[in-house]
Amino acid sequence: MTEKFDFTVSIPTYNGANRLPELLERLRNQLYIEKISWEIIVVDNNSTDNTSQLIQYYQKNWQCPFPLKYYFEEQQGAAYARKKAVLEARGEFIGFLDDDNYPVLTWVSAAYSFSKEYPNVGAYGSQIHPDWEVEPPEEFHRIAPFLAITERGNIPLLYESNKKLLPPSAGLVVRKQAWLDNVPNKPILTGRVTGNMLTSEDLEMLCYIQKAGWEIWYNPEMEIFHKIPGSRLQKDYLIPFFRGIGLSRYITRTISIKPLYRPLACLIYMINDLRKIVFHLLKYHNKTKENLVTTCEFQLLLTSLISPYYLWKNGYLNNSKTKVT
């Protein structure tokens, strides 16, 4: 008989051998877990470094009551790695930690307790603090939330569907059955890989769960620190990053809208995007190309506007296997 657990910690990773040891040590030393049955699974998303050898080493020396498991997912993309985790997990709830997310020592217990206190919860996110390698540019706080920085106070917060705001996948806990019942087997957004700029695969998944009537929450007791290297504050990384978010937006904007009303909703979104672009140009006309933050904001607005056309032109919307339903 397959063993069942209360909770699963899933670590999707790509070339994370240098980042995983600190995360595994933090999980090894979690507190207040005596009454929780849980497991850790590492999903290697086709790494080319020594990730598999590292996990083998840890497994040989893993003297903990909770198991450490390893799975390999050949198909590149965060969505595929998370799907693999959901299929393999034996916990009722699955907590996702990226290999650069370092939880406080009460993260597992806080995550498990929250699932018991909120019976209608389908997913809930952590409070995420930045751990900057270098000091971010001036006014970077305006775009920092897009880098999975989530500091929304110390009181649990319900994400209401009409607010169009959802937590990132870093530190996210998902009810396994809510995922299996509602997330398509082949999502449209699969995560950034070579030749594919589209991102927001985590938001697509959450949109389906929320659409099905499950509650999405923010749990401030689940604190993690997100290590952000200096390379992620450079223009060469940020501009394609924000472009990918914008180009994906038609999907996350329209999942909850009935197909009959999507053309009208698309028109309304486009008018609003145009309004924001004009306002942005009027306010920052002399900084749009010189200031990194305003450049990122402008890229997001512009690509959000053209998102429907881009997705249609590249076949994302007319493929019957991946069509938004």
C-alpha atoms as a PDB file:
ATOM      1  CA  MET A   1       0.000   0.000   0.000  1.00  0.00           C
ATOM      2  CA  THR A   2       1.293   3.438  -0.926  1.00  0.00           C
ATOM      3  CA  GLU A   3       2.153   5.508   2.129  1.00  0.00           C
ATOM      4  CA  LYS A   4       0.124   8.686   2.614  1.00  0.00           C
ATOM      5  CA  PHE A   5       1.371  11.888   4.237  1.00  0.00           C
ATOM      6  CA  ASP A   6      -0.197  15.007   5.703  1.00  0.00           C
ATOM      7  CA  PHE A   7       2.139  17.261   3.770  1.00  0.00           C
ATOM      8  CA  THR A   8       4.657  17.203   0.919  1.00  0.00           C
ATOM      9  CA  VAL A   9       7.436  19.715   0.351  1.00  0.00           C
ATOM     10  CA  SER A  10       8.280  19.827  -3.349  1.00  0.00           C
ATOM     11  CA  ILE A  11      11.473  21.413  -4.691  1.00  0.00           C
ATOM     12  CA  PRO A  12      11.439  21.889  -8.475  1.00  0.00           C
ATOM     13  CA  THR A  13      15.008  22.635  -9.528  1.00  0.00           C
ATOM     14  CA  TYR A  14      17.097  23.255 -12.605  1.00  0.00           C
ATOM     15  CA  ASN A  15      20.869  23.265 -12.099  1.00  0.00           C
ATOM     16  CA  GLY A  16      20.373  23.973  -8.420  1.00  0.00           C
ATOM     17  CA  ALA A  17      23.226  21.942  -6.968  1.00  0.00           C
ATOM     18  CA  ASN A  18      24.861  25.023  -5.462  1.00  0.00           C
ATOM     19  CA  ARG A  19      21.616  26.322  -3.963  1.00  0.00           C
ATOM     20  CA  LEU A  20      19.997  23.135  -2.688  1.00  0.00           C
ATOM     21  CA  PRO A  21      22.234  22.351   0.339  1.00  0.00           C
ATOM     22  CA  GLU A  22      21.108  25.382   2.342  1.00  0.00           C
ATOM     23  CA  LEU A  23      17.461  24.656   1.569  1.00  0.00           C
ATOM     24  CA  LEU A  24      17.754  20.978   2.512  1.00  0.00           C
ATOM     25  CA  GLU A  25      19.479  21.874   5.777  1.00  0.00           C
ATOM     26  CA  ARG A  26      16.665  24.272   6.666  1.00  0.00           C
ATOM     27  CA  LEU A  27      14.102  21.563   5.953  1.00  0.00           C
ATOM     28  CA  ARG A  28      16.090  18.991   7.910  1.00  0.00           C
ATOM     29  CA  ASN A  29      15.935  21.276  10.964  1.00  0.00           C
ATOM     30  CA  GLN A  30      12.243  22.221  10.879  1.00  0.00           C
ATOM     31  CA  LEU A  31      10.598  22.702  14.281  1.00  0.00           C
ATOM     32  CA  TYR A  32       7.241  21.603  15.760  1.00  0.00           C
ATOM     33  CA  ILE A  33       6.783  18.791  13.240  1.00  0.00           C
ATOM     34  CA  GLU A  34       6.528  15.862  15.652  1.00  0.00           C
ATOM     35  CA  LYS A  35       2.822  15.293  14.920  1.00  0.00           C
ATOM     36  CA  ILE A  36       3.075  15.873  11.152  1.00  0.00           C
ATOM     37  CA  SER A  37       3.727  13.093   8.663  1.00  0.00           C
ATOM     38  CA  TRP A  38       5.504  14.649   5.701  1.00  0.00           C
ATOM     39  CA  GLU A  39       7.967  14.066   2.903  1.00  0.00           C
ATOM     40  CA  ILE A  40      10.383  16.047   0.726  1.00  0.00           C
ATOM     41  CA  ILE A  41      10.548  15.455  -3.010  1.00  0.00           C
ATOM     42  CA  VAL A  42      13.100  17.034  -5.334  1.00  0.00           C
ATOM     43  CA  VAL A  43      12.049  17.276  -8.985  1.00  0.00           C
ATOM     44  CA  ASP A  44      15.091  17.639 -11.209  1.00  0.00           C
ATOM     45  CA  ASN A  45      13.893  19.500 -14.310  1.00  0.00           C
ATOM     46  CA  ASN A  46      16.517  18.144 -16.711  1.00  0.00           C
ATOM     47  CA  SER A  47      19.530  19.662 -14.941  1.00  0.00           C
ATOM     48  CA  THR A  48      22.979  19.521 -16.529  1.00  0.00           C
ATOM     49  CA  ASP A  49      24.933  19.976 -13.288  1.00  0.00           C
ATOM     50  CA  ASN A  50      25.434  17.442 -10.473  1.00  0.00           C
ATOM     51  CA  THR A  51      22.000  17.885  -8.891  1.00  0.00           C
ATOM     52  CA  SER A  52      21.215  14.158  -9.017  1.00  0.00           C
ATOM     53  CA  GLN A  53      24.538  13.221  -7.397  1.00  0.00           C
ATOM     54  CA  LEU A  54      23.976  15.809  -4.676  1.00  0.00           C
ATOM     55  CA  ILE A  55      20.568  14.376  -3.789  1.00  0.00           C
ATOM     56  CA  GLN A  56      21.986  10.845  -3.803  1.00  0.00           C
ATOM     57  CA  TYR A  57      24.601  11.973  -1.292  1.00  0.00           C
ATOM     58  CA  TYR A  58      21.942  13.511   0.943  1.00  0.00           C
ATOM     59  CA  GLN A  59      19.749  10.422   0.694  1.00  0.00           C
ATOM     60  CA  LYS A  60      22.623   8.171   1.868  1.00  0.00           C
ATOM     61  CA  ASN A  61      23.143  10.395   4.905  1.00  0.00           C
ATOM     62  CA  TRP A  62      19.497  11.298   5.540  1.00  0.00           C
ATOM     63  CA  GLN A  63      18.806  10.289   9.134  1.00  0.00           C
ATOM     64  CA  CYS A  64      15.375  11.890   9.433  1.00  0.00           C
ATOM     65  CA  PRO A  65      11.905  10.408  10.091  1.00  0.00           C
ATOM     66  CA  PHE A  66      10.581  12.105   6.949  1.00  0.00           C
ATOM     67  CA  PRO A  67      11.807  10.772   3.572  1.00  0.00           C
ATOM     68  CA  LEU A  68      13.799  12.627   0.931  1.00  0.00           C
ATOM     69  CA  LYS A  69      12.846  11.502  -2.590  1.00  0.00           C
ATOM     70  CA  TYR A  70      14.200  12.325  -6.045  1.00  0.00           C
ATOM     71  CA  TYR A  71      12.351  12.459  -9.378  1.00  0.00           C
ATOM     72  CA  PHE A  72      13.509  13.468 -12.834  1.00  0.00           C
ATOM     73  CA  GLU A  73      11.359  15.475 -15.274  1.00  0.00           C
ATOM     74  CA  GLU A  74      12.854  15.626 -18.742  1.00  0.00           C
ATOM     75  CA  GLN A  75      10.407  18.113 -20.265  1.00  0.00           C
ATOM     76  CA  GLN A  76      11.768  21.576 -19.579  1.00  0.00           C
ATOM     77  CA  GLY A  77       9.535  24.131 -17.905  1.00  0.00           C
ATOM     78  CA  ALA A  78       8.408  24.929 -14.370  1.00  0.00           C
ATOM     79  CA  ALA A  79       4.836  23.823 -15.112  1.00  0.00           C
ATOM     80  CA  TYR A  80       6.045  20.334 -16.045  1.00  0.00           C
ATOM     81  CA  ALA A  81       8.204  20.075 -12.921  1.00  0.00           C
ATOM     82  CA  ARG A  82       5.296  21.071 -10.687  1.00  0.00           C
ATOM     83  CA  LYS A  83       2.958  18.671 -12.465  1.00  0.00           C
ATOM     84  CA  LYS A  84       5.459  15.871 -11.853  1.00  0.00           C
ATOM     85  CA  ALA A  85       5.531  16.836  -8.186  1.00  0.00           C
ATOM     86  CA  VAL A  86       1.731  16.749  -7.928  1.00  0.00           C
ATOM     87  CA  LEU A  87       1.572  13.292  -9.511  1.00  0.00           C
ATOM     88  CA  GLU A  88       4.291  11.874  -7.262  1.00  0.00           C
ATOM     89  CA  ALA A  89       3.378  13.628  -3.998  1.00  0.00           C
ATOM     90  CA  ARG A  90       1.737  11.534  -1.301  1.00  0.00           C
ATOM     91  CA  GLY A  91       0.675  14.492   0.815  1.00  0.00           C
ATOM     92  CA  GLU A  92      -2.800  16.011   0.941  1.00  0.00           C
ATOM     93  CA  PHE A  93      -1.152  19.416   0.578  1.00  0.00           C
ATOM     94  CA  ILE A  94       1.964  20.222  -1.474  1.00  0.00           C
ATOM     95  CA  GLY A  95       4.250  23.096  -0.547  1.00  0.00           C
ATOM     96  CA  PHE A  96       6.447  24.348  -3.402  1.00  0.00           C
ATOM     97  CA  LEU A  97       9.855  25.812  -2.589  1.00  0.00           C
ATOM     98  CA  ASP A  98      12.169  26.916  -5.374  1.00  0.00           C
ATOM     99  CA  ASP A  99      15.840  26.102  -4.819  1.00  0.00           C
ATOM    100  CA  ASP A 100      16.516  29.764  -3.920  1.00  0.00           C
ATOM    101  CA  ASN A 101      13.674  29.965  -1.363  1.00  0.00           C
ATOM    102  CA  TYR A 102      14.880  29.518   2.204  1.00  0.00           C
ATOM    103  CA  PRO A 103      12.088  29.004   4.760  1.00  0.00           C
ATOM    104  CA  VAL A 104      12.148  29.876   8.426  1.00  0.00           C
ATOM    105  CA  LEU A 105      12.347  26.851  10.720  1.00  0.00           C
ATOM    106  CA  THR A 106       8.602  26.890  11.413  1.00  0.00           C
ATOM    107  CA  TRP A 107       7.519  26.973   7.754  1.00  0.00           C
ATOM    108  CA  VAL A 108       6.288  23.373   7.534  1.00  0.00           C
ATOM    109  CA  SER A 109       4.354  23.530  10.802  1.00  0.00           C
ATOM    110  CA  ALA A 110       2.793  26.887   9.836  1.00  0.00           C
ATOM    111  CA  ALA A 111       1.818  25.525   6.433  1.00  0.00           C
ATOM    112  CA  TYR A 112       0.236  22.408   7.911  1.00  0.00           C
ATOM    113  CA  SER A 113      -1.629  24.347  10.626  1.00  0.00           C
ATOM    114  CA  PHE A 114      -3.109  26.726   8.058  1.00  0.00           C
ATOM    115  CA  SER A 115      -4.584  23.835   6.066  1.00  0.00           C
ATOM    116  CA  LYS A 116      -6.456  22.716   9.174  1.00  0.00           C
ATOM    117  CA  GLU A 117      -7.757  26.172  10.057  1.00  0.00           C
ATOM    118  CA  TYR A 118      -9.149  26.956   6.575  1.00  0.00           C
ATOM    119  CA  PRO A 119     -11.110  23.960   5.239  1.00  0.00           C
ATOM    120  CA  ASN A 120     -12.110  25.682   1.972  1.00  0.00           C
ATOM    121  CA  VAL A 121      -8.575  26.664   0.979  1.00  0.00           C
ATOM    122  CA  GLY A 122      -7.313  25.415  -2.372  1.00  0.00           C
ATOM    123  CA  ALA A 123      -3.945  27.172  -2.237  1.00  0.00           C
ATOM    124  CA  TYR A 124      -2.115  29.644  -0.032  1.00  0.00           C
ATOM    125  CA  GLY A 125       1.068  31.642  -0.376  1.00  0.00           C
ATOM    126  CA  SER A 126       3.909  32.611   1.908  1.00  0.00           C
ATOM    127  CA  GLN A 127       5.220  35.912   3.148  1.00  0.00           C
ATOM    128  CA  ILE A 128       8.349  36.330   1.009  1.00  0.00           C
ATOM    129  CA  HIS A 129      11.211  38.617   2.002  1.00  0.00           C
ATOM    130  CA  PRO A 130      13.975  39.571  -0.442  1.00  0.00           C
ATOM    131  CA  ASP A 131      17.573  38.614   0.218  1.00  0.00           C
ATOM    132  CA  TRP A 132      19.368  40.924  -2.203  1.00  0.00           C
ATOM    133  CA  GLU A 133      22.869  40.039  -3.331  1.00  0.00           C
ATOM    134  CA  VAL A 134      23.312  43.696  -4.313  1.00  0.00           C
ATOM    135  CA  GLU A 135      21.274  46.757  -3.468  1.00  0.00           C
ATOM    136  CA  PRO A 136      18.412  47.181  -5.968  1.00  0.00           C
ATOM    137  CA  PRO A 137      18.091  50.352  -8.078  1.00  0.00           C
ATOM    138  CA  GLU A 138      16.172  53.377  -6.864  1.00  0.00           C
ATOM    139  CA  GLU A 139      12.373  52.945  -6.873  1.00  0.00           C
ATOM    140  CA  PHE A 140      12.739  49.214  -7.514  1.00  0.00           C
ATOM    141  CA  HIS A 141       9.962  48.607  -4.985  1.00  0.00           C
ATOM    142  CA  ARG A 142       7.486  49.482  -7.763  1.00  0.00           C
ATOM    143  CA  ILE A 143       8.302  46.277  -9.653  1.00  0.00           C
ATOM    144  CA  ALA A 144       9.725  44.120  -6.847  1.00  0.00           C
ATOM    145  CA  PRO A 145       6.511  42.057  -6.353  1.00  0.00           C
ATOM    146  CA  PHE A 146       7.028  40.572  -9.824  1.00  0.00           C
ATOM    147  CA  LEU A 147      10.203  38.925  -8.464  1.00  0.00           C
ATOM    148  CA  ALA A 148       8.107  36.899  -6.000  1.00  0.00           C
ATOM    149  CA  ILE A 149       8.457  39.345  -3.129  1.00  0.00           C
ATOM    150  CA  THR A 150       5.240  39.213  -1.125  1.00  0.00           C
ATOM    151  CA  GLU A 151       5.030  41.254   2.053  1.00  0.00           C
ATOM    152  CA  ARG A 152       1.335  41.939   2.635  1.00  0.00           C
ATOM    153  CA  GLY A 153       1.282  42.359   6.388  1.00  0.00           C
ATOM    154  CA  ASN A 154       0.985  39.948   9.298  1.00  0.00           C
ATOM    155  CA  ILE A 155      -2.715  39.054   9.010  1.00  0.00           C
ATOM    156  CA  PRO A 156      -4.027  36.265   6.724  1.00  0.00           C
ATOM    157  CA  LEU A 157      -5.482  37.692   3.533  1.00  0.00           C
ATOM    158  CA  LEU A 158      -8.068  36.189   1.181  1.00  0.00           C
ATOM    159  CA  TYR A 159      -7.292  36.784  -2.498  1.00  0.00           C
ATOM    160  CA  GLU A 160     -10.638  37.797  -3.951  1.00  0.00           C
ATOM    161  CA  SER A 161     -11.207  36.822  -7.581  1.00  0.00           C
ATOM    162  CA  ASN A 162     -12.367  40.298  -8.612  1.00  0.00           C
ATOM    163  CA  LYS A 163      -9.079  41.839  -7.436  1.00  0.00           C
ATOM    164  CA  LYS A 164      -7.034  39.933 -10.083  1.00  0.00           C
ATOM    165  CA  LEU A 165      -4.224  39.379  -7.577  1.00  0.00           C
ATOM    166  CA  LEU A 166      -2.715  35.990  -6.749  1.00  0.00           C
ATOM    167  CA  PRO A 167       0.380  34.734  -4.910  1.00  0.00           C
ATOM    168  CA  PRO A 168       3.530  33.558  -6.716  1.00  0.00           C
ATOM    169  CA  SER A 169       4.593  29.923  -6.824  1.00  0.00           C
ATOM    170  CA  ALA A 170       7.525  30.507  -4.472  1.00  0.00           C
ATOM    171  CA  GLY A 171       6.411  29.227  -1.079  1.00  0.00           C
ATOM    172  CA  LEU A 172       2.978  28.279  -2.417  1.00  0.00           C
ATOM    173  CA  VAL A 173       0.970  25.443  -0.888  1.00  0.00           C
ATOM    174  CA  VAL A 174      -1.645  23.700  -3.047  1.00  0.00           C
ATOM    175  CA  ARG A 175      -4.324  21.171  -2.134  1.00  0.00           C
ATOM    176  CA  LYS A 176      -3.451  18.178  -4.309  1.00  0.00           C
ATOM    177  CA  GLN A 177      -7.031  17.260  -5.144  1.00  0.00           C
ATOM    178  CA  ALA A 178      -7.877  20.843  -6.127  1.00  0.00           C
ATOM    179  CA  TRP A 179      -5.027  20.713  -8.658  1.00  0.00           C
ATOM    180  CA  LEU A 180      -5.932  17.265 -10.015  1.00  0.00           C
ATOM    181  CA  ASP A 181      -9.600  18.173 -10.441  1.00  0.00           C
ATOM    182  CA  ASN A 182      -9.171  21.557 -12.102  1.00  0.00           C
ATOM    183  CA  VAL A 183      -5.758  22.228 -13.663  1.00  0.00           C
ATOM    184  CA  PRO A 184      -5.591  21.131 -17.350  1.00  0.00           C
ATOM    185  CA  ASN A 185      -3.248  18.294 -18.161  1.00  0.00           C
ATOM    186  CA  LYS A 186      -1.621  20.480 -20.820  1.00  0.00           C
ATOM    187  CA  PRO A 187      -1.519  24.127 -19.720  1.00  0.00           C
ATOM    188  CA  ILE A 188      -0.833  26.919 -22.188  1.00  0.00           C
ATOM    189  CA  LEU A 189       1.840  28.568 -20.071  1.00  0.00           C
ATOM    190  CA  THR A 190       4.673  26.221 -19.159  1.00  0.00           C
ATOM    191  CA  GLY A 191       7.424  28.521 -17.868  1.00  0.00           C
ATOM    192  CA  ARG A 192      10.407  30.212 -19.459  1.00  0.00           C
ATOM    193  CA  VAL A 193      12.677  27.970 -21.479  1.00  0.00           C
ATOM    194  CA  THR A 194      14.952  28.539 -24.453  1.00  0.00           C
ATOM    195  CA  GLY A 195      12.828  29.804 -27.329  1.00  0.00           C
ATOM    196  CA  ASN A 196       9.734  30.448 -25.179  1.00  0.00           C
ATOM    197  CA  MET A 197       9.353  33.783 -23.401  1.00  0.00           C
ATOM    198  CA  LEU A 198       5.983  33.065 -21.796  1.00  0.00           C
ATOM    199  CA  THR A 199       5.786  32.873 -18.019  1.00  0.00           C
ATOM    200  CA  SER A 200       3.026  33.174 -15.357  1.00  0.00           C
ATOM    201  CA  GLU A 201       2.429  29.418 -15.464  1.00  0.00           C
ATOM    202  CA  ASP A 202       1.829  29.530 -11.707  1.00  0.00           C
ATOM    203  CA  LEU A 203      -0.931  32.117 -12.096  1.00  0.00           C
ATOM    204  CA  GLU A 204      -2.632  30.063 -14.811  1.00  0.00           C
ATOM    205  CA  MET A 205      -2.785  27.110 -12.439  1.00  0.00           C
ATOM    206  CA  LEU A 206      -4.149  29.224  -9.579  1.00  0.00           C
ATOM    207  CA  CYS A 207      -6.766  30.825 -11.834  1.00  0.00           C
ATOM    208  CA  TYR A 208      -8.251  27.404 -12.578  1.00  0.00           C
ATOM    209  CA  ILE A 209      -8.317  26.462  -8.892  1.00  0.00           C
ATOM    210  CA  GLN A 210      -9.917  29.769  -7.916  1.00  0.00           C
ATOM    211  CA  LYS A 211     -12.428  29.502 -10.782  1.00  0.00           C
ATOM    212  CA  ALA A 212     -13.557  26.140  -9.370  1.00  0.00           C
ATOM    213  CA  GLY A 213     -14.555  27.849  -6.117  1.00  0.00           C
ATOM    214  CA  TRP A 214     -11.547  27.097  -3.931  1.00  0.00           C
ATOM    215  CA  GLU A 215     -10.227  29.898  -1.729  1.00  0.00           C
ATOM    216  CA  ILE A 216      -6.727  31.322  -2.264  1.00  0.00           C
ATOM    217  CA  TRP A 217      -5.032  32.829   0.790  1.00  0.00           C
ATOM    218  CA  TYR A 218      -1.914  34.624   1.968  1.00  0.00           C
ATOM    219  CA  ASN A 219      -0.440  33.130   5.155  1.00  0.00           C
ATOM    220  CA  PRO A 220       2.079  35.494   6.780  1.00  0.00           C
ATOM    221  CA  GLU A 221       3.210  32.817   9.261  1.00  0.00           C
ATOM    222  CA  MET A 222       4.861  30.935   6.381  1.00  0.00           C
ATOM    223  CA  GLU A 223       7.934  33.130   5.952  1.00  0.00           C
ATOM    224  CA  ILE A 224      10.662  32.516   3.412  1.00  0.00           C
ATOM    225  CA  PHE A 225      13.679  34.460   2.211  1.00  0.00           C
ATOM    226  CA  HIS A 226      14.158  34.660  -1.545  1.00  0.00           C
ATOM    227  CA  LYS A 227      17.792  34.957  -2.590  1.00  0.00           C
ATOM    228  CA  ILE A 228      17.997  37.317  -5.564  1.00  0.00           C
ATOM    229  CA  PRO A 229      21.383  37.473  -7.325  1.00  0.00           C
ATOM    230  CA  GLY A 230      22.650  40.678  -8.849  1.00  0.00           C
ATOM    231  CA  SER A 231      22.176  39.261 -12.354  1.00  0.00           C
ATOM    232  CA  ARG A 232      18.401  39.444 -11.894  1.00  0.00           C
ATOM    233  CA  LEU A 233      18.595  43.188 -11.431  1.00  0.00           C
ATOM    234  CA  GLN A 234      20.229  43.722 -14.806  1.00  0.00           C
ATOM    235  CA  LYS A 235      18.446  44.995 -17.891  1.00  0.00           C
ATOM    236  CA  ASP A 236      19.364  41.885 -19.891  1.00  0.00           C
ATOM    237  CA  TYR A 237      17.355  39.755 -17.462  1.00  0.00           C
ATOM    238  CA  LEU A 238      14.529  42.096 -16.479  1.00  0.00           C
ATOM    239  CA  ILE A 239      13.360  43.282 -19.905  1.00  0.00           C
ATOM    240  CA  PRO A 240      12.724  39.754 -21.326  1.00  0.00           C
ATOM    241  CA  PHE A 241      11.260  38.796 -17.937  1.00  0.00           C
ATOM    242  CA  PHE A 242       8.653  41.565 -17.990  1.00  0.00           C
ATOM    243  CA  ARG A 243       8.013  41.000 -21.679  1.00  0.00           C
ATOM    244  CA  GLY A 244       7.156  37.376 -20.944  1.00  0.00           C
ATOM    245  CA  ILE A 245       4.766  38.350 -18.144  1.00  0.00           C
ATOM    246  CA  GLY A 246       2.974  40.829 -20.384  1.00  0.00           C
ATOM    247  CA  LEU A 247       2.653  38.481 -23.356  1.00  0.00           C
ATOM    248  CA  SER A 248       1.101  35.840 -21.085  1.00  0.00           C
ATOM    249  CA  ARG A 249      -1.521  38.123 -19.575  1.00  0.00           C
ATOM    250  CA  TYR A 250      -4.414  37.355 -21.915  1.00  0.00           C
ATOM    251  CA  ILE A 251      -4.463  33.813 -20.509  1.00  0.00           C
ATOM    252  CA  THR A 252      -4.556  34.744 -16.833  1.00  0.00           C
ATOM    253  CA  ARG A 253      -6.992  37.596 -17.495  1.00  0.00           C
ATOM    254  CA  THR A 254      -9.613  35.503 -19.261  1.00  0.00           C
ATOM    255  CA  ILE A 255      -9.632  32.037 -17.639  1.00  0.00           C
ATOM    256  CA  SER A 256     -12.442  33.052 -15.285  1.00  0.00           C
ATOM    257  CA  ILE A 257     -14.486  34.734 -18.063  1.00  0.00           C
ATOM    258  CA  LYS A 258     -17.045  32.769 -20.079  1.00  0.00           C
ATOM    259  CA  PRO A 259     -15.906  32.300 -23.715  1.00  0.00           C
ATOM    260  CA  LEU A 260     -18.898  34.291 -25.002  1.00  0.00           C
ATOM    261  CA  TYR A 261     -17.734  37.404 -23.149  1.00  0.00           C
ATOM    262  CA  ARG A 262     -13.990  37.134 -23.795  1.00  0.00           C
ATOM    263  CA  PRO A 263     -13.933  39.324 -26.943  1.00  0.00           C
ATOM    264  CA  LEU A 264     -15.619  42.156 -25.033  1.00  0.00           C
ATOM    265  CA  ALA A 265     -13.346  41.653 -22.022  1.00  0.00           C
ATOM    266  CA  CYS A 266     -10.331  41.671 -24.336  1.00  0.00           C
ATOM    267  CA  LEU A 267     -11.439  44.987 -25.845  1.00  0.00           C
ATOM    268  CA  ILE A 268     -11.919  46.508 -22.391  1.00  0.00           C
ATOM    269  CA  TYR A 269      -8.488  45.322 -21.272  1.00  0.00           C
ATOM    270  CA  MET A 270      -6.882  46.730 -24.427  1.00  0.00           C
ATOM    271  CA  ILE A 271      -8.519  50.133 -23.923  1.00  0.00           C
ATOM    272  CA  ASN A 272      -7.335  50.172 -20.317  1.00  0.00           C
ATOM    273  CA  ASP A 273      -3.821  49.121 -21.361  1.00  0.00           C
ATOM    274  CA  LEU A 274      -3.719  51.937 -23.922  1.00  0.00           C
ATOM    275  CA  ARG A 275      -4.836  54.392 -21.253  1.00  0.00           C
ATOM    276  CA  LYS A 276      -2.064  53.221 -18.943  1.00  0.00           C
ATOM    277  CA  ILE A 277       0.537  53.444 -21.726  1.00  0.00           C
ATOM    278  CA  VAL A 278      -0.430  57.025 -22.533  1.00  0.00           C
ATOM    279  CA  PHE A 279      -0.379  57.978 -18.852  1.00  0.00           C
ATOM    280  CA  HIS A 280       3.006  56.295 -18.402  1.00  0.00           C
ATOM    281  CA  LEU A 281       4.501  58.124 -21.384  1.00  0.00           C
ATOM    282  CA  LEU A 282       3.175  61.461 -20.173  1.00  0.00           C
ATOM    283  CA  LYS A 283       4.522  60.907 -16.668  1.00  0.00           C
ATOM    284  CA  TYR A 284       7.895  59.358 -17.530  1.00  0.00           C
ATOM    285  CA  HIS A 285       8.475  60.481 -21.120  1.00  0.00           C
ATOM    286  CA  ASN A 286      12.075  61.439 -20.415  1.00  0.00           C
ATOM    287  CA  LYS A 287      12.847  58.320 -18.339  1.00  0.00           C
ATOM    288  CA  THR A 288      11.224  55.476 -20.271  1.00  0.00           C
ATOM    289  CA  LYS A 289      14.495  54.420 -21.906  1.00  0.00           C
ATOM    290  CA  GLU A 290      16.946  55.662 -19.288  1.00  0.00           C
ATOM    291  CA  ASN A 291      15.454  54.405 -16.021  1.00  0.00           C
ATOM    292  CA  LEU A 292      15.385  50.613 -15.519  1.00  0.00           C
ATOM    293  CA  VAL A 293      12.191  50.585 -13.456  1.00  0.00           C
ATOM    294  CA  THR A 294      10.177  52.727 -15.874  1.00  0.00           C
ATOM    295  CA  THR A 295      11.541  50.703 -18.807  1.00  0.00           C
ATOM    296  CA  CYS A 296      10.310  47.476 -17.191  1.00  0.00           C
ATOM    297  CA  GLU A 297       6.914  49.014 -16.455  1.00  0.00           C
ATOM    298  CA  PHE A 298       6.570  50.206 -20.044  1.00  0.00           C
ATOM    299  CA  GLN A 299       7.523  46.775 -21.414  1.00  0.00           C
ATOM    300  CA  LEU A 300       4.875  45.168 -19.216  1.00  0.00           C
ATOM    301  CA  LEU A 301       2.175  47.593 -20.381  1.00  0.00           C
ATOM    302  CA  LEU A 302       3.088  47.313 -24.054  1.00  0.00           C
ATOM    303  CA  THR A 303       3.264  43.521 -24.132  1.00  0.00           C
ATOM    304  CA  SER A 304       0.047  43.221 -22.100  1.00  0.00           C
ATOM    305  CA  LEU A 305      -1.645  45.216 -24.856  1.00  0.00           C
ATOM    306  CA  ILE A 306      -0.434  42.920 -27.636  1.00  0.00           C
ATOM    307  CA  SER A 307      -0.789  39.700 -25.631  1.00  0.00           C
ATOM    308  CA  PRO A 308      -3.972  38.462 -27.406  1.00  0.00           C
ATOM    309  CA  TYR A 309      -2.468  39.041 -30.846  1.00  0.00           C
ATOM    310  CA  TYR A 310       0.864  37.446 -29.918  1.00  0.00           C
ATOM    311  CA  LEU A 311      -0.755  34.326 -28.479  1.00  0.00           C
ATOM    312  CA  TRP A 312      -3.131  33.975 -31.444  1.00  0.00           C
ATOM    313  CA  LYS A 313      -0.384  34.533 -34.029  1.00  0.00           C
ATOM    314  CA  ASN A 314       1.880  31.924 -32.414  1.00  0.00           C
ATOM    315  CA  GLY A 315      -0.850  29.294 -32.168  1.00  0.00           C
ATOM    316  CA  TYR A 316      -1.406  29.275 -28.420  1.00  0.00           C
ATOM    317  CA  LEU A 317      -5.115  30.070 -28.709  1.00  0.00           C
ATOM    318  CA  ASN A 318      -6.144  27.852 -31.624  1.00  0.00           C
ATOM    319  CA  ASN A 319      -4.563  24.593 -30.484  1.00  0.00           C
ATOM    320  CA  SER A 320      -7.410  22.364 -29.365  1.00  0.00           C
ATOM    321  CA  LYS A 321      -5.118  20.581 -26.906  1.00  0.00           C
ATOM    322  CA  THR A 322      -4.263  23.721 -25.000  1.00  0.00           C
ATOM    323  CA  LYS A 323      -7.293  25.897 -25.588  1.00  0.00           C
ATOM    324  CA  VAL A 324      -8.541  27.948 -22.628  1.00  0.00           C
ATOM    325  CA  THR A 325     -11.815  26.449 -21.427  1.00  0.00           C
END
